[in-house]
Amino acid sequence: LGLNFRAVEADSGAIGGSGSKEFMVLADSGEDDILVCESCKYA
């Protein structure tokens, strides 16, 4: 789809579960903030 994105660790919320990943499209207009490590793959 040609999107600039990052897969990040996420909170599962009401759905639950022991682990979750969110695919976040990087944009100035978003509502979520993500933290990205510049020296490793953690996001």
Full PDB file with SEQRES, HELIX, SHEET, SSBOND, CRYST1, ORIGX, SCALE, CONECT and MASTER records, all heavy atoms in Angstrom:
SEQRES   1 A   43  LEU GLY LEU ASN PHE ARG ALA VAL GLU ALA ASP SER GLY          
SEQRES   2 A   43  ALA ILE GLY GLY SER GLY SER LYS GLU PHE MET VAL LEU          
SEQRES   3 A   43  ALA ASP SER GLY GLU ASP ASP ILE LEU VAL CYS GLU SER          
SEQRES   4 A   43  CYS LYS TYR ALA                                              
HELIX    1 AA1 GLY A   13  ILE A   15  5                                   3    
SHEET    1 AA1 2 PHE A   5  GLU A   9  0                                        
SHEET    2 AA1 2 LYS A  21  VAL A  25 -1                                        
CRYST1    1.000    1.000    1.000  90.00  90.00  90.00 P 1           1          
ORIGX1      1.000000  0.000000  0.000000        0.00000                         
ORIGX2      0.000000  1.000000  0.000000        0.00000                         
ORIGX3      0.000000  0.000000  1.000000        0.00000                         
SCALE1      1.000000  0.000000  0.000000        0.00000                         
SCALE2      0.000000  1.000000  0.000000        0.00000                         
SCALE3      0.000000  0.000000  1.000000        0.00000                         
ATOM      1  N   LEU A   1       0.820  -1.214   0.000  1.00  0.00           N  
ATOM      2  CA  LEU A   1       0.000   0.000   0.000  1.00  0.00           C  
ATOM      3  C   LEU A   1       0.858   1.270   0.000  1.00  0.00           C  
ATOM      4  O   LEU A   1       0.324   2.380  -0.058  1.00  0.00           O  
ATOM      5  CB  LEU A   1      -0.934   0.001   1.216  1.00  0.00           C  
ATOM      6  CG  LEU A   1      -2.037  -1.069   1.209  1.00  0.00           C  
ATOM      7  CD1 LEU A   1      -2.812  -1.048   2.517  1.00  0.00           C  
ATOM      8  CD2 LEU A   1      -2.982  -0.879   0.029  1.00  0.00           C  
ATOM      9  N   GLY A   2       2.161   1.096   0.084  1.00  0.00           N  
ATOM     10  CA  GLY A   2       3.065   2.241  -0.009  1.00  0.00           C  
ATOM     11  C   GLY A   2       3.086   3.127   1.211  1.00  0.00           C  
ATOM     12  O   GLY A   2       3.328   4.332   1.105  1.00  0.00           O  
ATOM     13  N   LEU A   3       2.856   2.544   2.382  1.00  0.00           N  
ATOM     14  CA  LEU A   3       2.763   3.335   3.608  1.00  0.00           C  
ATOM     15  C   LEU A   3       4.080   3.314   4.378  1.00  0.00           C  
ATOM     16  O   LEU A   3       4.789   2.314   4.404  1.00  0.00           O  
ATOM     17  CB  LEU A   3       1.643   2.787   4.499  1.00  0.00           C  
ATOM     18  CG  LEU A   3       0.230   2.850   3.895  1.00  0.00           C  
ATOM     19  CD1 LEU A   3      -0.749   2.054   4.742  1.00  0.00           C  
ATOM     20  CD2 LEU A   3      -0.229   4.291   3.763  1.00  0.00           C  
ATOM     21  N   ASN A   4       4.389   4.433   5.008  1.00  0.00           N  
ATOM     22  CA  ASN A   4       5.550   4.529   5.889  1.00  0.00           C  
ATOM     23  C   ASN A   4       5.095   4.097   7.282  1.00  0.00           C  
ATOM     24  O   ASN A   4       4.322   4.796   7.943  1.00  0.00           O  
ATOM     25  CB  ASN A   4       6.066   5.967   5.913  1.00  0.00           C  
ATOM     26  CG  ASN A   4       7.316   6.111   6.762  1.00  0.00           C  
ATOM     27  OD1 ASN A   4       7.978   5.130   7.088  1.00  0.00           O  
ATOM     28  ND2 ASN A   4       7.631   7.342   7.147  1.00  0.00           N  
ATOM     29  N   PHE A   5       5.540   2.938   7.753  1.00  0.00           N  
ATOM     30  CA  PHE A   5       4.973   2.369   8.960  1.00  0.00           C  
ATOM     31  C   PHE A   5       6.049   1.752   9.837  1.00  0.00           C  
ATOM     32  O   PHE A   5       7.170   1.495   9.400  1.00  0.00           O  
ATOM     33  CB  PHE A   5       3.931   1.295   8.599  1.00  0.00           C  
ATOM     34  CG  PHE A   5       4.515   0.062   7.955  1.00  0.00           C  
ATOM     35  CD1 PHE A   5       4.844  -1.050   8.714  1.00  0.00           C  
ATOM     36  CD2 PHE A   5       4.771   0.022   6.587  1.00  0.00           C  
ATOM     37  CE1 PHE A   5       5.401  -2.175   8.130  1.00  0.00           C  
ATOM     38  CE2 PHE A   5       5.333  -1.098   5.992  1.00  0.00           C  
ATOM     39  CZ  PHE A   5       5.644  -2.204   6.768  1.00  0.00           C  
ATOM     40  N   ARG A   6       5.691   1.512  11.075  1.00  0.00           N  
ATOM     41  CA  ARG A   6       6.528   0.761  12.006  1.00  0.00           C  
ATOM     42  C   ARG A   6       5.639  -0.201  12.785  1.00  0.00           C  
ATOM     43  O   ARG A   6       4.521   0.149  13.158  1.00  0.00           O  
ATOM     44  CB  ARG A   6       7.232   1.692  12.994  1.00  0.00           C  
ATOM     45  CG  ARG A   6       8.352   2.516  12.393  1.00  0.00           C  
ATOM     46  CD  ARG A   6       9.542   1.674  12.005  1.00  0.00           C  
ATOM     47  NE  ARG A   6      10.195   1.036  13.132  1.00  0.00           N  
ATOM     48  CZ  ARG A   6      11.218   1.548  13.793  1.00  0.00           C  
ATOM     49  NH1 ARG A   6      11.693   2.740  13.453  1.00  0.00           N  
ATOM     50  NH2 ARG A   6      11.765   0.895  14.801  1.00  0.00           N  
ATOM     51  N   ALA A   7       6.129  -1.393  13.049  1.00  0.00           N  
ATOM     52  CA  ALA A   7       5.434  -2.344  13.909  1.00  0.00           C  
ATOM     53  C   ALA A   7       5.951  -2.141  15.330  1.00  0.00           C  
ATOM     54  O   ALA A   7       7.157  -2.221  15.569  1.00  0.00           O  
ATOM     55  CB  ALA A   7       5.675  -3.770  13.450  1.00  0.00           C  
ATOM     56  N   VAL A   8       5.068  -1.858  16.271  1.00  0.00           N  
ATOM     57  CA  VAL A   8       5.487  -1.498  17.623  1.00  0.00           C  
ATOM     58  C   VAL A   8       4.787  -2.369  18.657  1.00  0.00           C  
ATOM     59  O   VAL A   8       3.715  -2.921  18.418  1.00  0.00           O  
ATOM     60  CB  VAL A   8       5.184  -0.002  17.919  1.00  0.00           C  
ATOM     61  CG1 VAL A   8       5.847   0.887  16.884  1.00  0.00           C  
ATOM     62  CG2 VAL A   8       3.673   0.259  17.956  1.00  0.00           C  
ATOM     63  N   GLU A   9       5.417  -2.493  19.818  1.00  0.00           N  
ATOM     64  CA  GLU A   9       4.785  -3.173  20.945  1.00  0.00           C  
ATOM     65  C   GLU A   9       3.565  -2.371  21.363  1.00  0.00           C  
ATOM     66  O   GLU A   9       3.580  -1.142  21.350  1.00  0.00           O  
ATOM     67  CB  GLU A   9       5.759  -3.273  22.126  1.00  0.00           C  
ATOM     68  CG  GLU A   9       7.051  -4.013  21.832  1.00  0.00           C  
ATOM     69  CD  GLU A   9       6.841  -5.508  21.657  1.00  0.00           C  
ATOM     70  OE1 GLU A   9       5.825  -6.024  22.142  1.00  0.00           O  
ATOM     71  OE2 GLU A   9       7.697  -6.154  21.030  1.00  0.00           O  
ATOM     72  N   ALA A  10       2.495  -3.086  21.738  1.00  0.00           N  
ATOM     73  CA  ALA A  10       1.245  -2.386  22.027  1.00  0.00           C  
ATOM     74  C   ALA A  10       0.527  -2.994  23.210  1.00  0.00           C  
ATOM     75  O   ALA A  10       0.785  -4.126  23.624  1.00  0.00           O  
ATOM     76  CB  ALA A  10       0.336  -2.418  20.797  1.00  0.00           C  
ATOM     77  N   ASP A  11      -0.419  -2.216  23.747  1.00  0.00           N  
ATOM     78  CA  ASP A  11      -1.297  -2.673  24.820  1.00  0.00           C  
ATOM     79  C   ASP A  11      -2.500  -3.360  24.195  1.00  0.00           C  
ATOM     80  O   ASP A  11      -3.161  -2.791  23.334  1.00  0.00           O  
ATOM     81  CB  ASP A  11      -1.730  -1.471  25.661  1.00  0.00           C  
ATOM     82  CG  ASP A  11      -2.607  -1.861  26.839  1.00  0.00           C  
ATOM     83  OD1 ASP A  11      -2.811  -3.072  27.046  1.00  0.00           O  
ATOM     84  OD2 ASP A  11      -3.090  -0.956  27.540  1.00  0.00           O  
ATOM     85  N   SER A  12      -2.810  -4.581  24.617  1.00  0.00           N  
ATOM     86  CA  SER A  12      -3.921  -5.331  24.030  1.00  0.00           C  
ATOM     87  C   SER A  12      -5.293  -4.769  24.403  1.00  0.00           C  
ATOM     88  O   SER A  12      -6.288  -5.072  23.754  1.00  0.00           O  
ATOM     89  CB  SER A  12      -3.845  -6.806  24.452  1.00  0.00           C  
ATOM     90  OG  SER A  12      -2.637  -7.376  24.016  1.00  0.00           O  
ATOM     91  N   GLY A  13      -5.377  -3.987  25.465  1.00  0.00           N  
ATOM     92  CA  GLY A  13      -6.629  -3.348  25.849  1.00  0.00           C  
ATOM     93  C   GLY A  13      -7.716  -4.343  26.209  1.00  0.00           C  
ATOM     94  O   GLY A  13      -7.464  -5.404  26.776  1.00  0.00           O  
ATOM     95  N   ALA A  14      -8.969  -3.997  25.811  1.00  0.00           N  
ATOM     96  CA  ALA A  14     -10.132  -4.818  26.184  1.00  0.00           C  
ATOM     97  C   ALA A  14     -10.123  -6.179  25.495  1.00  0.00           C  
ATOM     98  O   ALA A  14     -10.785  -7.114  25.935  1.00  0.00           O  
ATOM     99  CB  ALA A  14     -11.415  -4.070  25.849  1.00  0.00           C  
ATOM    100  N   ILE A  15      -9.371  -6.311  24.401  1.00  0.00           N  
ATOM    101  CA  ILE A  15      -9.322  -7.591  23.693  1.00  0.00           C  
ATOM    102  C   ILE A  15      -8.512  -8.607  24.486  1.00  0.00           C  
ATOM    103  O   ILE A  15      -8.788  -9.805  24.442  1.00  0.00           O  
ATOM    104  CB  ILE A  15      -8.733  -7.385  22.279  1.00  0.00           C  
ATOM    105  CG1 ILE A  15      -9.708  -6.558  21.430  1.00  0.00           C  
ATOM    106  CG2 ILE A  15      -8.458  -8.714  21.601  1.00  0.00           C  
ATOM    107  CD1 ILE A  15      -9.193  -6.222  20.056  1.00  0.00           C  
ATOM    108  N   GLY A  16      -7.515  -8.144  25.228  1.00  0.00           N  
ATOM    109  CA  GLY A  16      -6.743  -9.037  26.079  1.00  0.00           C  
ATOM    110  C   GLY A  16      -5.614  -9.717  25.338  1.00  0.00           C  
ATOM    111  O   GLY A  16      -5.278  -9.371  24.208  1.00  0.00           O  
ATOM    112  N   GLY A  17      -5.001 -10.693  25.985  1.00  0.00           N  
ATOM    113  CA  GLY A  17      -3.888 -11.405  25.378  1.00  0.00           C  
ATOM    114  C   GLY A  17      -2.576 -11.051  26.053  1.00  0.00           C  
ATOM    115  O   GLY A  17      -2.453 -10.043  26.736  1.00  0.00           O  
ATOM    116  N   SER A  18      -1.580 -11.904  25.855  1.00  0.00           N  
ATOM    117  CA  SER A  18      -0.296 -11.719  26.519  1.00  0.00           C  
ATOM    118  C   SER A  18       0.686 -10.883  25.705  1.00  0.00           C  
ATOM    119  O   SER A  18       1.709 -10.461  26.223  1.00  0.00           O  
ATOM    120  CB  SER A  18       0.328 -13.091  26.805  1.00  0.00           C  
ATOM    121  OG  SER A  18       0.494 -13.815  25.592  1.00  0.00           O  
ATOM    122  N   GLY A  19       0.389 -10.667  24.437  1.00  0.00           N  
ATOM    123  CA  GLY A  19       1.297  -9.881  23.610  1.00  0.00           C  
ATOM    124  C   GLY A  19       0.560  -9.255  22.452  1.00  0.00           C  
ATOM    125  O   GLY A  19      -0.449  -9.786  21.982  1.00  0.00           O  
ATOM    126  N   SER A  20       1.048  -8.115  21.985  1.00  0.00           N  
ATOM    127  CA  SER A  20       0.362  -7.429  20.899  1.00  0.00           C  
ATOM    128  C   SER A  20       1.338  -6.549  20.134  1.00  0.00           C  
ATOM    129  O   SER A  20       2.251  -5.960  20.717  1.00  0.00           O  
ATOM    130  CB  SER A  20      -0.783  -6.568  21.458  1.00  0.00           C  
ATOM    131  OG  SER A  20      -1.497  -5.944  20.420  1.00  0.00           O  
ATOM    132  N   LYS A  21       1.145  -6.496  18.824  1.00  0.00           N  
ATOM    133  CA  LYS A  21       1.909  -5.595  17.962  1.00  0.00           C  
ATOM    134  C   LYS A  21       0.924  -4.690  17.222  1.00  0.00           C  
ATOM    135  O   LYS A  21      -0.138  -5.139  16.795  1.00  0.00           O  
ATOM    136  CB  LYS A  21       2.718  -6.380  16.926  1.00  0.00           C  
ATOM    137  CG  LYS A  21       3.889  -7.156  17.488  1.00  0.00           C  
ATOM    138  CD  LYS A  21       5.138  -6.320  17.532  1.00  0.00           C  
ATOM    139  CE  LYS A  21       6.365  -7.174  17.837  1.00  0.00           C  
ATOM    140  NZ  LYS A  21       7.582  -6.343  17.927  1.00  0.00           N  
ATOM    141  N   GLU A  22       1.270  -3.427  17.083  1.00  0.00           N  
ATOM    142  CA  GLU A  22       0.485  -2.496  16.286  1.00  0.00           C  
ATOM    143  C   GLU A  22       1.322  -2.055  15.091  1.00  0.00           C  
ATOM    144  O   GLU A  22       2.501  -1.736  15.243  1.00  0.00           O  
ATOM    145  CB  GLU A  22       0.104  -1.253  17.101  1.00  0.00           C  
ATOM    146  CG  GLU A  22      -1.028  -1.468  18.070  1.00  0.00           C  
ATOM    147  CD  GLU A  22      -1.358  -0.193  18.838  1.00  0.00           C  
ATOM    148  OE1 GLU A  22      -0.484   0.680  18.949  1.00  0.00           O  
ATOM    149  OE2 GLU A  22      -2.491  -0.091  19.323  1.00  0.00           O  
ATOM    150  N   PHE A  23       0.691  -2.044  13.925  1.00  0.00           N  
ATOM    151  CA  PHE A  23       1.348  -1.485  12.751  1.00  0.00           C  
ATOM    152  C   PHE A  23       0.906  -0.031  12.645  1.00  0.00           C  
ATOM    153  O   PHE A  23      -0.252   0.255  12.353  1.00  0.00           O  
ATOM    154  CB  PHE A  23       0.977  -2.285  11.496  1.00  0.00           C  
ATOM    155  CG  PHE A  23       1.710  -3.579  11.389  1.00  0.00           C  
ATOM    156  CD1 PHE A  23       1.344  -4.674  12.162  1.00  0.00           C  
ATOM    157  CD2 PHE A  23       2.804  -3.714  10.542  1.00  0.00           C  
ATOM    158  CE1 PHE A  23       2.026  -5.874  12.085  1.00  0.00           C  
ATOM    159  CE2 PHE A  23       3.500  -4.910  10.456  1.00  0.00           C  
ATOM    160  CZ  PHE A  23       3.111  -5.988  11.224  1.00  0.00           C  
ATOM    161  N   MET A  24       1.835   0.865  12.917  1.00  0.00           N  
ATOM    162  CA  MET A  24       1.522   2.286  12.996  1.00  0.00           C  
ATOM    163  C   MET A  24       2.043   3.002  11.759  1.00  0.00           C  
ATOM    164  O   MET A  24       3.232   2.922  11.429  1.00  0.00           O  
ATOM    165  CB  MET A  24       2.159   2.894  14.242  1.00  0.00           C  
ATOM    166  CG  MET A  24       1.845   2.161  15.530  1.00  0.00           C  
ATOM    167  SD  MET A  24       0.197   2.491  16.140  1.00  0.00           S  
ATOM    168  CE  MET A  24       0.445   4.082  16.882  1.00  0.00           C  
ATOM    169  N   VAL A  25       1.143   3.705  11.060  1.00  0.00           N  
ATOM    170  CA  VAL A  25       1.554   4.556   9.949  1.00  0.00           C  
ATOM    171  C   VAL A  25       2.099   5.854  10.540  1.00  0.00           C  
ATOM    172  O   VAL A  25       1.440   6.499  11.359  1.00  0.00           O  
ATOM    173  CB  VAL A  25       0.367   4.849   9.009  1.00  0.00           C  
ATOM    174  CG1 VAL A  25       0.787   5.816   7.914  1.00  0.00           C  
ATOM    175  CG2 VAL A  25      -0.145   3.548   8.397  1.00  0.00           C  
ATOM    176  N   LEU A  26       3.292   6.227  10.158  1.00  0.00           N  
ATOM    177  CA  LEU A  26       3.925   7.422  10.713  1.00  0.00           C  
ATOM    178  C   LEU A  26       3.336   8.666  10.060  1.00  0.00           C  
ATOM    179  O   LEU A  26       3.401   8.846   8.843  1.00  0.00           O  
ATOM    180  CB  LEU A  26       5.434   7.376  10.494  1.00  0.00           C  
ATOM    181  CG  LEU A  26       6.135   6.119  11.032  1.00  0.00           C  
ATOM    182  CD1 LEU A  26       7.644   6.254  10.851  1.00  0.00           C  
ATOM    183  CD2 LEU A  26       5.797   5.891  12.491  1.00  0.00           C  
ATOM    184  N   ALA A  27       2.729   9.523  10.874  1.00  0.00           N  
ATOM    185  CA  ALA A  27       2.082  10.725  10.357  1.00  0.00           C  
ATOM    186  C   ALA A  27       1.996  11.768  11.467  1.00  0.00           C  
ATOM    187  O   ALA A  27       1.882  11.426  12.645  1.00  0.00           O  
ATOM    188  CB  ALA A  27       0.686  10.401   9.825  1.00  0.00           C  
ATOM    189  N   ASP A  28       2.034  13.033  11.084  1.00  0.00           N  
ATOM    190  CA  ASP A  28       1.914  14.115  12.063  1.00  0.00           C  
ATOM    191  C   ASP A  28       0.493  14.232  12.596  1.00  0.00           C  
ATOM    192  O   ASP A  28       0.268  14.824  13.649  1.00  0.00           O  
ATOM    193  CB  ASP A  28       2.322  15.452  11.429  1.00  0.00           C  
ATOM    194  CG  ASP A  28       3.796  15.484  11.050  1.00  0.00           C  
ATOM    195  OD1 ASP A  28       4.580  14.773  11.711  1.00  0.00           O  
ATOM    196  OD2 ASP A  28       4.150  16.199  10.102  1.00  0.00           O  
ATOM    197  N   SER A  29      -0.463  13.673  11.866  1.00  0.00           N  
ATOM    198  CA  SER A  29      -1.870  13.846  12.222  1.00  0.00           C  
ATOM    199  C   SER A  29      -2.423  12.731  13.106  1.00  0.00           C  
ATOM    200  O   SER A  29      -3.605  12.689  13.372  1.00  0.00           O  
ATOM    201  CB  SER A  29      -2.714  13.924  10.945  1.00  0.00           C  
ATOM    202  OG  SER A  29      -2.515  12.780  10.137  1.00  0.00           O  
ATOM    203  N   GLY A  30      -1.561  11.829  13.559  1.00  0.00           N  
ATOM    204  CA  GLY A  30      -2.040  10.703  14.347  1.00  0.00           C  
ATOM    205  C   GLY A  30      -2.397  11.090  15.768  1.00  0.00           C  
ATOM    206  O   GLY A  30      -2.094  12.196  16.240  1.00  0.00           O  
ATOM    207  N   GLU A  31      -3.025  10.141  16.482  1.00  0.00           N  
ATOM    208  CA  GLU A  31      -3.424  10.369  17.867  1.00  0.00           C  
ATOM    209  C   GLU A  31      -2.530   9.640  18.851  1.00  0.00           C  
ATOM    210  O   GLU A  31      -2.534   9.945  20.033  1.00  0.00           O  
ATOM    211  CB  GLU A  31      -4.874   9.910  18.075  1.00  0.00           C  
ATOM    212  CG  GLU A  31      -5.903  10.766  17.362  1.00  0.00           C  
ATOM    213  CD  GLU A  31      -7.318  10.389  17.773  1.00  0.00           C  
ATOM    214  OE1 GLU A  31      -7.741   9.271  17.450  1.00  0.00           O  
ATOM    215  OE2 GLU A  31      -7.985  11.200  18.413  1.00  0.00           O  
ATOM    216  N   ASP A  32      -1.770   8.664  18.380  1.00  0.00           N  
ATOM    217  CA  ASP A  32      -0.902   7.875  19.262  1.00  0.00           C  
ATOM    218  C   ASP A  32       0.540   8.364  19.164  1.00  0.00           C  
ATOM    219  O   ASP A  32       0.973   8.863  18.123  1.00  0.00           O  
ATOM    220  CB  ASP A  32      -0.947   6.395  18.882  1.00  0.00           C  
ATOM    221  CG  ASP A  32      -2.226   5.722  19.363  1.00  0.00           C  
ATOM    222  OD1 ASP A  32      -2.909   6.318  20.218  1.00  0.00           O  
ATOM    223  OD2 ASP A  32      -2.544   4.637  18.892  1.00  0.00           O  
ATOM    224  N   ASP A  33       1.255   8.215  20.253  1.00  0.00           N  
ATOM    225  CA  ASP A  33       2.689   8.498  20.270  1.00  0.00           C  
ATOM    226  C   ASP A  33       3.432   7.176  20.368  1.00  0.00           C  
ATOM    227  O   ASP A  33       3.037   6.282  21.124  1.00  0.00           O  
ATOM    228  CB  ASP A  33       3.060   9.377  21.468  1.00  0.00           C  
ATOM    229  CG  ASP A  33       2.462  10.771  21.352  1.00  0.00           C  
ATOM    230  OD1 ASP A  33       2.464  11.304  20.237  1.00  0.00           O  
ATOM    231  OD2 ASP A  33       1.995  11.305  22.376  1.00  0.00           O  
ATOM    232  N   ILE A  34       4.500   7.051  19.607  1.00  0.00           N  
ATOM    233  CA  ILE A  34       5.329   5.852  19.691  1.00  0.00           C  
ATOM    234  C   ILE A  34       6.753   6.245  20.059  1.00  0.00           C  
ATOM    235  O   ILE A  34       7.205   7.356  19.758  1.00  0.00           O  
ATOM    236  CB  ILE A  34       5.316   5.033  18.384  1.00  0.00           C  
ATOM    237  CG1 ILE A  34       5.931   5.837  17.221  1.00  0.00           C  
ATOM    238  CG2 ILE A  34       3.915   4.598  18.027  1.00  0.00           C  
ATOM    239  CD1 ILE A  34       6.106   5.009  15.951  1.00  0.00           C  
ATOM    240  N   LEU A  35       7.428   5.334  20.722  1.00  0.00           N  
ATOM    241  CA  LEU A  35       8.823   5.531  21.104  1.00  0.00           C  
ATOM    242  C   LEU A  35       9.679   4.567  20.298  1.00  0.00           C  
ATOM    243  O   LEU A  35       9.389   3.370  20.250  1.00  0.00           O  
ATOM    244  CB  LEU A  35       9.001   5.265  22.602  1.00  0.00           C  
ATOM    245  CG  LEU A  35       8.143   6.139  23.529  1.00  0.00           C  
ATOM    246  CD1 LEU A  35       8.350   5.727  24.977  1.00  0.00           C  
ATOM    247  CD2 LEU A  35       8.476   7.609  23.344  1.00  0.00           C  
ATOM    248  N   VAL A  36      10.712   5.096  19.660  1.00  0.00           N  
ATOM    249  CA  VAL A  36      11.558   4.298  18.775  1.00  0.00           C  
ATOM    250  C   VAL A  36      13.009   4.429  19.210  1.00  0.00           C  
ATOM    251  O   VAL A  36      13.495   5.535  19.451  1.00  0.00           O  
ATOM    252  CB  VAL A  36      11.408   4.768  17.301  1.00  0.00           C  
ATOM    253  CG1 VAL A  36      12.307   3.957  16.396  1.00  0.00           C  
ATOM    254  CG2 VAL A  36       9.964   4.656  16.849  1.00  0.00           C  
ATOM    255  N   CYS A  37      13.683   3.296  19.333  1.00  0.00           N  
ATOM    256  CA  CYS A  37      15.099   3.299  19.675  1.00  0.00           C  
ATOM    257  C   CYS A  37      15.920   3.475  18.395  1.00  0.00           C  
ATOM    258  O   CYS A  37      15.716   2.755  17.415  1.00  0.00           O  
ATOM    259  CB  CYS A  37      15.481   1.992  20.368  1.00  0.00           C  
ATOM    260  SG  CYS A  37      17.241   1.881  20.766  1.00  0.00           S  
ATOM    261  N   GLU A  38      16.831   4.437  18.403  1.00  0.00           N  
ATOM    262  CA  GLU A  38      17.642   4.711  17.214  1.00  0.00           C  
ATOM    263  C   GLU A  38      18.813   3.747  17.071  1.00  0.00           C  
ATOM    264  O   GLU A  38      19.410   3.658  15.997  1.00  0.00           O  
ATOM    265  CB  GLU A  38      18.150   6.154  17.256  1.00  0.00           C  
ATOM    266  CG  GLU A  38      17.027   7.195  17.176  1.00  0.00           C  
ATOM    267  CD  GLU A  38      17.558   8.606  17.210  1.00  0.00           C  
ATOM    268  OE1 GLU A  38      18.777   8.762  17.437  1.00  0.00           O  
ATOM    269  OE2 GLU A  38      16.764   9.547  16.998  1.00  0.00           O  
ATOM    270  N   SER A  39      19.151   3.029  18.134  1.00  0.00           N  
ATOM    271  CA  SER A  39      20.314   2.132  18.076  1.00  0.00           C  
ATOM    272  C   SER A  39      19.934   0.652  18.036  1.00  0.00           C  
ATOM    273  O   SER A  39      20.796  -0.203  18.004  1.00  0.00           O  
ATOM    274  CB  SER A  39      21.229   2.391  19.278  1.00  0.00           C  
ATOM    275  OG  SER A  39      20.523   2.185  20.490  1.00  0.00           O  
ATOM    276  N   CYS A  40      18.606   0.354  18.073  1.00  0.00           N  
ATOM    277  CA  CYS A  40      18.168  -1.030  17.970  1.00  0.00           C  
ATOM    278  C   CYS A  40      16.803  -1.056  17.282  1.00  0.00           C  
ATOM    279  O   CYS A  40      16.320  -0.028  16.818  1.00  0.00           O  
ATOM    280  CB  CYS A  40      18.080  -1.693  19.351  1.00  0.00           C  
ATOM    281  SG  CYS A  40      16.790  -1.008  20.414  1.00  0.00           S  
ATOM    282  N   LYS A  41      16.175  -2.214  17.223  1.00  0.00           N  
ATOM    283  CA  LYS A  41      14.900  -2.354  16.516  1.00  0.00           C  
ATOM    284  C   LYS A  41      13.692  -2.120  17.419  1.00  0.00           C  
ATOM    285  O   LYS A  41      12.547  -2.242  16.968  1.00  0.00           O  
ATOM    286  CB  LYS A  41      14.802  -3.757  15.904  1.00  0.00           C  
ATOM    287  CG  LYS A  41      15.810  -4.009  14.788  1.00  0.00           C  
ATOM    288  CD  LYS A  41      15.610  -5.389  14.179  1.00  0.00           C  
ATOM    289  CE  LYS A  41      16.585  -5.625  13.040  1.00  0.00           C  
ATOM    290  NZ  LYS A  41      16.390  -6.971  12.433  1.00  0.00           N  
ATOM    291  N   TYR A  42      13.926  -1.784  18.693  1.00  0.00           N  
ATOM    292  CA  TYR A  42      12.798  -1.644  19.613  1.00  0.00           C  
ATOM    293  C   TYR A  42      11.933  -0.435  19.266  1.00  0.00           C  
ATOM    294  O   TYR A  42      12.425   0.664  19.003  1.00  0.00           O  
ATOM    295  CB  TYR A  42      13.294  -1.503  21.049  1.00  0.00           C  
ATOM    296  CG  TYR A  42      12.166  -1.408  22.056  1.00  0.00           C  
ATOM    297  CD1 TYR A  42      11.489  -2.538  22.475  1.00  0.00           C  
ATOM    298  CD2 TYR A  42      11.771  -0.170  22.563  1.00  0.00           C  
ATOM    299  CE1 TYR A  42      10.446  -2.461  23.391  1.00  0.00           C  
ATOM    300  CE2 TYR A  42      10.728  -0.082  23.475  1.00  0.00           C  
ATOM    301  CZ  TYR A  42      10.072  -1.221  23.881  1.00  0.00           C  
ATOM    302  OH  TYR A  42       9.036  -1.132  24.778  1.00  0.00           O  
ATOM    303  N   ALA A  43      10.615  -0.662  19.246  1.00  0.00           N  
ATOM    304  CA  ALA A  43       9.644   0.419  19.045  1.00  0.00           C  
ATOM    305  C   ALA A  43       8.372   0.034  19.776  1.00  0.00           C  
ATOM    306  O   ALA A  43       7.978  -1.139  19.771  1.00  0.00           O  
ATOM    307  CB  ALA A  43       9.358   0.631  17.553  1.00  0.00           C  
TER     308      ALA A  43                                                      
MASTER        0    0    0    1    2    0    0    6  307    1    0    4          
END                                                                             
